[in-house]
C-alpha atoms as a PDB file:
ATOM      1  CA  MET A   1      -5.475 -18.072  -9.701  1.00  0.00           C
ATOM      2  CA  GLN A   2      -5.179 -17.136  -5.449  1.00  0.00           C
ATOM      3  CA  LEU A   3      -4.103 -14.061  -4.325  1.00  0.00           C
ATOM      4  CA  GLY A   4      -1.707 -13.589  -1.491  1.00  0.00           C
ATOM      5  CA  THR A   5      -1.567 -11.472   1.319  1.00  0.00           C
ATOM      6  CA  ARG A   6       0.941 -10.268   4.055  1.00  0.00           C
ATOM      7  CA  TRP A   7       0.703 -10.398   7.760  1.00  0.00           C
ATOM      8  CA  ALA A   8       2.567  -8.945  11.084  1.00  0.00           C
ATOM      9  CA  VAL A   9       5.220 -11.547  12.460  1.00  0.00           C
ATOM     10  CA  GLY A  10       3.734 -12.353  15.736  1.00  0.00           C
ATOM     11  CA  SER A  11      -0.321 -12.166  14.124  1.00  0.00           C
ATOM     12  CA  PRO A  12      -1.947 -15.057  12.835  1.00  0.00           C
ATOM     13  CA  SER A  13      -1.208 -16.752   9.793  1.00  0.00           C
ATOM     14  CA  PRO A  14      -3.975 -17.036   7.264  1.00  0.00           C
ATOM     15  CA  LYS A  15      -6.314 -20.268   7.610  1.00  0.00           C
ATOM     16  CA  ALA A  16      -5.652 -21.173   3.606  1.00  0.00           C
ATOM     17  CA  LEU A  17      -2.270 -22.144   4.631  1.00  0.00           C
ATOM     18  CA  PRO A  18      -1.657 -25.587   5.275  1.00  0.00           C
ATOM     19  CA  ARG A  19      -1.409 -26.808   9.275  1.00  0.00           C
ATOM     20  CA  VAL A  20       2.821 -27.915   8.779  1.00  0.00           C
ATOM     21  CA  VAL A  21       3.488 -24.781   7.298  1.00  0.00           C
ATOM     22  CA  GLY A  22       1.108 -22.595   9.725  1.00  0.00           C
ATOM     23  CA  GLY A  23       3.867 -24.550  12.575  1.00  0.00           C
ATOM     24  CA  ALA A  24       6.790 -23.624  10.154  1.00  0.00           C
ATOM     25  CA  VAL A  25       5.889 -20.198  10.429  1.00  0.00           C
ATOM     26  CA  HIS A  26       4.984 -20.434  14.351  1.00  0.00           C
ATOM     27  CA  ASP A  27       8.581 -22.522  14.733  1.00  0.00           C
ATOM     28  CA  VAL A  28      10.978 -19.207  12.935  1.00  0.00           C
ATOM     29  CA  GLU A  29       9.152 -16.696  14.939  1.00  0.00           C
ATOM     30  CA  ALA A  30       9.875 -18.412  17.954  1.00  0.00           C
ATOM     31  CA  GLU A  31      13.489 -18.915  16.969  1.00  0.00           C
ATOM     32  CA  LEU A  32      13.996 -14.830  16.620  1.00  0.00           C
ATOM     33  CA  GLN A  33      12.024 -14.004  19.752  1.00  0.00           C
ATOM     34  CA  ALA A  34      14.744 -16.526  21.418  1.00  0.00           C
ATOM     35  CA  ASP A  35      17.271 -14.502  19.548  1.00  0.00           C
ATOM     36  CA  ASP A  36      15.948 -11.489  20.951  1.00  0.00           C
ATOM     37  CA  VAL A  37      15.816 -10.160  17.387  1.00  0.00           C
ATOM     38  CA  ASP A  38      13.708  -6.750  16.883  1.00  0.00           C
ATOM     39  CA  VAL A  39      10.690  -7.882  14.221  1.00  0.00           C
ATOM     40  CA  THR A  40       8.948  -4.842  15.265  1.00  0.00           C
ATOM     41  CA  ARG A  41       8.227  -4.126  11.571  1.00  0.00           C
ATOM     42  CA  TRP A  42       8.547  -7.580   9.939  1.00  0.00           C
ATOM     43  CA  ALA A  43       5.900  -9.209   8.089  1.00  0.00           C
ATOM     44  CA  TRP A  44       5.375 -11.892   6.039  1.00  0.00           C
ATOM     45  CA  THR A  45       4.304 -12.556   2.665  1.00  0.00           C
ATOM     46  CA  LEU A  46       2.128 -15.245   1.145  1.00  0.00           C
ATOM     47  CA  THR A  47       2.095 -16.188  -2.444  1.00  0.00           C
ATOM     48  CA  TRP A  48       1.250 -18.962  -4.823  1.00  0.00           C
ATOM     49  CA  LEU A  49       3.358 -20.959  -7.162  1.00  0.00           C
ATOM     50  CA  GLU A  50       1.319 -23.663  -8.323  1.00  0.00           C
ATOM     51  CA  GLY A  51      -1.110 -24.135  -5.865  1.00  0.00           C
ATOM     52  CA  ARG A  52       0.893 -24.094  -3.271  1.00  0.00           C
ATOM     53  CA  PRO A  53       1.660 -21.400  -0.384  1.00  0.00           C
ATOM     54  CA  VAL A  54       5.276 -19.914  -0.922  1.00  0.00           C
ATOM     55  CA  VAL A  55       6.189 -17.425   2.691  1.00  0.00           C
ATOM     56  CA  GLU A  56       8.572 -15.047   2.944  1.00  0.00           C
ATOM     57  CA  LEU A  57       9.584 -13.178   5.882  1.00  0.00           C
ATOM     58  CA  ASP A  58      11.168  -9.859   5.018  1.00  0.00           C
ATOM     59  CA  ASP A  59      14.634 -11.287   6.090  1.00  0.00           C
ATOM     60  CA  GLY A  60      14.619 -13.653   3.749  1.00  0.00           C
ATOM     61  CA  THR A  61      13.822 -16.789   5.061  1.00  0.00           C
ATOM     62  CA  LEU A  62      11.633 -18.443   2.969  1.00  0.00           C
ATOM     63  CA  ILE A  63       9.082 -21.622   3.726  1.00  0.00           C
ATOM     64  CA  THR A  64       7.359 -23.725   0.884  1.00  0.00           C
ATOM     65  CA  TYR A  65       5.374 -26.680   0.706  1.00  0.00           C
ATOM     66  CA  ASN A  66       5.395 -30.194  -0.411  1.00  0.00           C
ATOM     67  CA  ASP A  67       1.791 -31.217  -0.675  1.00  0.00           C
ATOM     68  CA  ALA A  68       2.802 -34.939  -1.645  1.00  0.00           C
ATOM     69  CA  GLU A  69       4.759 -35.440   1.739  1.00  0.00           C
ATOM     70  CA  ASP A  70       2.477 -32.628   3.732  1.00  0.00           C
ATOM     71  CA  THR A  71       6.008 -31.139   4.400  1.00  0.00           C
ATOM     72  CA  ALA A  72       7.326 -27.536   4.841  1.00  0.00           C
ATOM     73  CA  THR A  73      11.020 -26.661   4.058  1.00  0.00           C
ATOM     74  CA  VAL A  74      12.508 -23.651   6.165  1.00  0.00           C
ATOM     75  CA  ARG A  75      15.650 -22.053   4.227  1.00  0.00           C
ATOM     76  CA  GLN A  76      17.327 -18.975   5.482  1.00  0.00           C
ATOM     77  CA  VAL A  77      19.193 -16.496   3.256  1.00  0.00           C
ATOM     78  CA  THR A  78      23.212 -16.697   4.305  1.00  0.00           C
ATOM     79  CA  ASP A  79      25.643 -14.981   2.820  1.00  0.00           C
ATOM     80  CA  GLU A  80      26.776 -17.538   1.090  1.00  0.00           C
ATOM     81  CA  ASP A  81      23.722 -17.851  -1.079  1.00  0.00           C
ATOM     82  CA  ASP A  82      24.569 -14.294  -2.079  1.00  0.00           C
ATOM     83  CA  GLU A  83      27.284 -15.356  -4.068  1.00  0.00           C
ATOM     84  CA  ASP A  84      27.355 -16.671  -7.274  1.00  0.00           C
ATOM     85  CA  ASP A  85      28.963 -20.097  -8.608  1.00  0.00           C
ATOM     86  CA  TYR A  86      31.607 -19.738 -10.825  1.00  0.00           C
END
């Protein structure tokens, strides 16, 4: 079992993250900075699901890792995500 961790936006990502996931974290942070979002108290949370990193930002942005393709997927929560499908 691997334990997760939290770190502040703008701080270095954990070294255990695959390079592509760390790059995705950096890209999200750069976009937030470009949009002038105040992330002073925001943090990332790293958890491990079946040995793969899952990184979530306090605003709900989620980064998952596909180890077979060595890719990271960024999903951002929208109001539509909160609606129930009937």
